Amino acid sequence: MAGVEPDWLGSGTEVRWSIAGREATERHLREAGFTLREVWGMPDDTTEDSTKPFFLAELG
């Protein structure tokens, strides 16, 4: 997933972003040695029924 915010926080500055997605992020965390303790979703106002994943992970 990727996007552009042309006026980030009303600053007039363009910000480009990309997100690997839930599955890829979980895989990357595990491959880096993290243990996932919790995963939850926060409402995402960009689409009607969407959430953004948040991760609680511990190294080791």
N, C-alpha and C. Protein backbone atom coordinates (compact mmCIF):
# COMPACT_ATOMS: atom_id res chain seq x y z
N MET A 1 0.84 -1.15 0.00
CA MET A 1 0.00 0.00 0.00
C MET A 1 0.91 1.24 0.00
N ALA A 2 0.59 2.21 -0.80
CA ALA A 2 1.38 3.44 -0.89
C ALA A 2 0.47 4.62 -1.15
N GLY A 3 0.95 5.80 -0.85
CA GLY A 3 0.14 6.99 -1.08
C GLY A 3 0.95 8.26 -1.00
N VAL A 4 0.26 9.35 -1.24
CA VAL A 4 0.86 10.67 -1.19
C VAL A 4 -0.08 11.59 -0.43
N GLU A 5 0.47 12.37 0.47
CA GLU A 5 -0.29 13.42 1.16
C GLU A 5 0.31 14.74 0.69
N PRO A 6 -0.40 15.50 -0.16
CA PRO A 6 0.18 16.70 -0.75
C PRO A 6 0.40 17.85 0.23
N ASP A 7 -0.32 17.85 1.36
CA ASP A 7 -0.21 18.96 2.31
C ASP A 7 -0.16 18.39 3.72
N TRP A 8 0.92 17.71 4.05
CA TRP A 8 1.04 17.01 5.32
C TRP A 8 0.92 17.97 6.50
N LEU A 9 -0.06 17.72 7.34
CA LEU A 9 -0.32 18.51 8.54
C LEU A 9 -0.46 20.01 8.26
N GLY A 10 -0.95 20.33 7.05
CA GLY A 10 -1.16 21.72 6.69
C GLY A 10 0.14 22.49 6.48
N SER A 11 1.25 21.77 6.27
CA SER A 11 2.57 22.41 6.17
C SER A 11 2.93 22.83 4.75
N GLY A 12 2.13 22.37 3.76
CA GLY A 12 2.48 22.64 2.37
C GLY A 12 3.54 21.69 1.83
N THR A 13 3.97 20.74 2.65
CA THR A 13 4.99 19.78 2.26
C THR A 13 4.34 18.47 1.83
N GLU A 14 4.78 17.95 0.70
CA GLU A 14 4.29 16.66 0.22
C GLU A 14 5.02 15.53 0.93
N VAL A 15 4.27 14.52 1.36
CA VAL A 15 4.84 13.34 2.00
C VAL A 15 4.39 12.12 1.20
N ARG A 16 5.33 11.28 0.84
CA ARG A 16 5.03 9.99 0.18
C ARG A 16 5.29 8.89 1.19
N TRP A 17 4.43 7.88 1.21
CA TRP A 17 4.55 6.81 2.18
C TRP A 17 4.23 5.46 1.56
N SER A 18 4.70 4.42 2.19
CA SER A 18 4.35 3.06 1.79
C SER A 18 4.34 2.17 3.04
N ILE A 19 3.46 1.19 3.02
CA ILE A 19 3.30 0.27 4.14
C ILE A 19 3.35 -1.15 3.58
N ALA A 20 4.12 -1.99 4.22
CA ALA A 20 4.27 -3.36 3.74
C ALA A 20 2.99 -4.17 3.87
N GLY A 21 2.12 -3.83 4.79
CA GLY A 21 0.91 -4.60 5.04
C GLY A 21 1.08 -5.50 6.26
N ARG A 22 -0.01 -5.98 6.79
CA ARG A 22 0.01 -6.75 8.04
C ARG A 22 0.85 -8.01 7.93
N GLU A 23 0.60 -8.84 6.93
CA GLU A 23 1.29 -10.12 6.83
C GLU A 23 2.79 -9.93 6.64
N ALA A 24 3.18 -9.02 5.76
CA ALA A 24 4.61 -8.78 5.52
C ALA A 24 5.28 -8.20 6.77
N THR A 25 4.59 -7.30 7.47
CA THR A 25 5.17 -6.71 8.67
C THR A 25 5.36 -7.77 9.75
N GLU A 26 4.37 -8.63 9.93
CA GLU A 26 4.52 -9.74 10.90
C GLU A 26 5.72 -10.60 10.54
N ARG A 27 5.85 -10.95 9.27
CA ARG A 27 6.96 -11.79 8.81
C ARG A 27 8.30 -11.08 9.05
N HIS A 28 8.38 -9.79 8.72
CA HIS A 28 9.62 -9.04 8.90
C HIS A 28 10.01 -8.97 10.38
N LEU A 29 9.04 -8.74 11.26
CA LEU A 29 9.33 -8.70 12.69
C LEU A 29 9.86 -10.03 13.18
N ARG A 30 9.22 -11.13 12.79
CA ARG A 30 9.68 -12.47 13.21
C ARG A 30 11.08 -12.77 12.66
N GLU A 31 11.30 -12.43 11.39
CA GLU A 31 12.62 -12.67 10.78
C GLU A 31 13.71 -11.87 11.47
N ALA A 32 13.36 -10.72 12.03
CA ALA A 32 14.33 -9.87 12.73
C ALA A 32 14.53 -10.30 14.19
N GLY A 33 13.82 -11.35 14.62
CA GLY A 33 14.00 -11.87 15.97
C GLY A 33 13.00 -11.40 17.00
N PHE A 34 11.94 -10.73 16.55
CA PHE A 34 10.91 -10.25 17.48
C PHE A 34 9.86 -11.33 17.72
N THR A 35 9.28 -11.32 18.90
CA THR A 35 8.14 -12.14 19.25
C THR A 35 6.93 -11.22 19.30
N LEU A 36 5.90 -11.55 18.55
CA LEU A 36 4.68 -10.73 18.57
C LEU A 36 3.89 -11.04 19.83
N ARG A 37 3.63 -10.01 20.61
CA ARG A 37 2.85 -10.17 21.84
C ARG A 37 1.38 -9.86 21.61
N GLU A 38 1.12 -8.92 20.72
CA GLU A 38 -0.27 -8.53 20.46
C GLU A 38 -0.34 -7.80 19.12
N VAL A 39 -1.44 -8.01 18.42
CA VAL A 39 -1.72 -7.28 17.18
C VAL A 39 -3.17 -6.81 17.26
N TRP A 40 -3.39 -5.55 16.99
CA TRP A 40 -4.75 -5.03 17.01
C TRP A 40 -4.94 -4.03 15.88
N GLY A 41 -6.17 -3.72 15.59
CA GLY A 41 -6.47 -2.77 14.52
C GLY A 41 -7.02 -1.47 15.07
N MET A 42 -6.61 -0.39 14.43
CA MET A 42 -7.14 0.93 14.75
C MET A 42 -7.93 1.41 13.54
N PRO A 43 -9.04 2.08 13.74
CA PRO A 43 -9.84 2.55 12.60
C PRO A 43 -9.01 3.40 11.64
N ASP A 44 -9.22 3.15 10.37
CA ASP A 44 -8.54 3.88 9.30
C ASP A 44 -9.60 4.66 8.55
N ASP A 45 -9.52 5.97 8.61
CA ASP A 45 -10.57 6.80 8.01
C ASP A 45 -10.46 6.94 6.50
N THR A 46 -9.50 6.25 5.86
CA THR A 46 -9.36 6.37 4.41
C THR A 46 -10.35 5.49 3.65
N THR A 47 -10.83 4.44 4.30
CA THR A 47 -11.85 3.59 3.68
C THR A 47 -12.90 3.25 4.73
N GLU A 48 -14.06 2.85 4.28
CA GLU A 48 -15.20 2.69 5.19
C GLU A 48 -15.01 1.60 6.25
N ASP A 49 -14.59 0.41 5.86
CA ASP A 49 -14.48 -0.71 6.81
C ASP A 49 -13.03 -1.17 6.95
N SER A 50 -12.14 -0.24 7.17
CA SER A 50 -10.73 -0.58 7.20
C SER A 50 -10.09 -0.27 8.54
N THR A 51 -9.07 -1.02 8.89
CA THR A 51 -8.29 -0.74 10.08
C THR A 51 -6.80 -0.79 9.73
N LYS A 52 -5.99 -0.09 10.52
CA LYS A 52 -4.54 -0.15 10.38
C LYS A 52 -4.02 -1.05 11.49
N PRO A 53 -3.13 -1.98 11.16
CA PRO A 53 -2.61 -2.87 12.21
C PRO A 53 -1.56 -2.17 13.07
N PHE A 54 -1.60 -2.45 14.36
CA PHE A 54 -0.59 -2.02 15.31
C PHE A 54 -0.03 -3.27 15.96
N PHE A 55 1.27 -3.27 16.21
CA PHE A 55 1.96 -4.46 16.72
C PHE A 55 2.67 -4.15 18.03
N LEU A 56 2.54 -5.07 18.98
CA LEU A 56 3.34 -5.03 20.20
C LEU A 56 4.28 -6.21 20.07
N ALA A 57 5.57 -5.93 19.97
CA ALA A 57 6.56 -6.99 19.76
C ALA A 57 7.72 -6.80 20.71
N GLU A 58 8.35 -7.91 21.05
CA GLU A 58 9.47 -7.90 21.98
C GLU A 58 10.65 -8.60 21.32
N LEU A 59 11.81 -8.00 21.42
CA LEU A 59 13.01 -8.58 20.84
C LEU A 59 13.54 -9.66 21.76
N GLY A 60 13.77 -10.82 21.18
CA GLY A 60 14.35 -11.90 21.98
C GLY A 60 13.46 -13.08 22.12
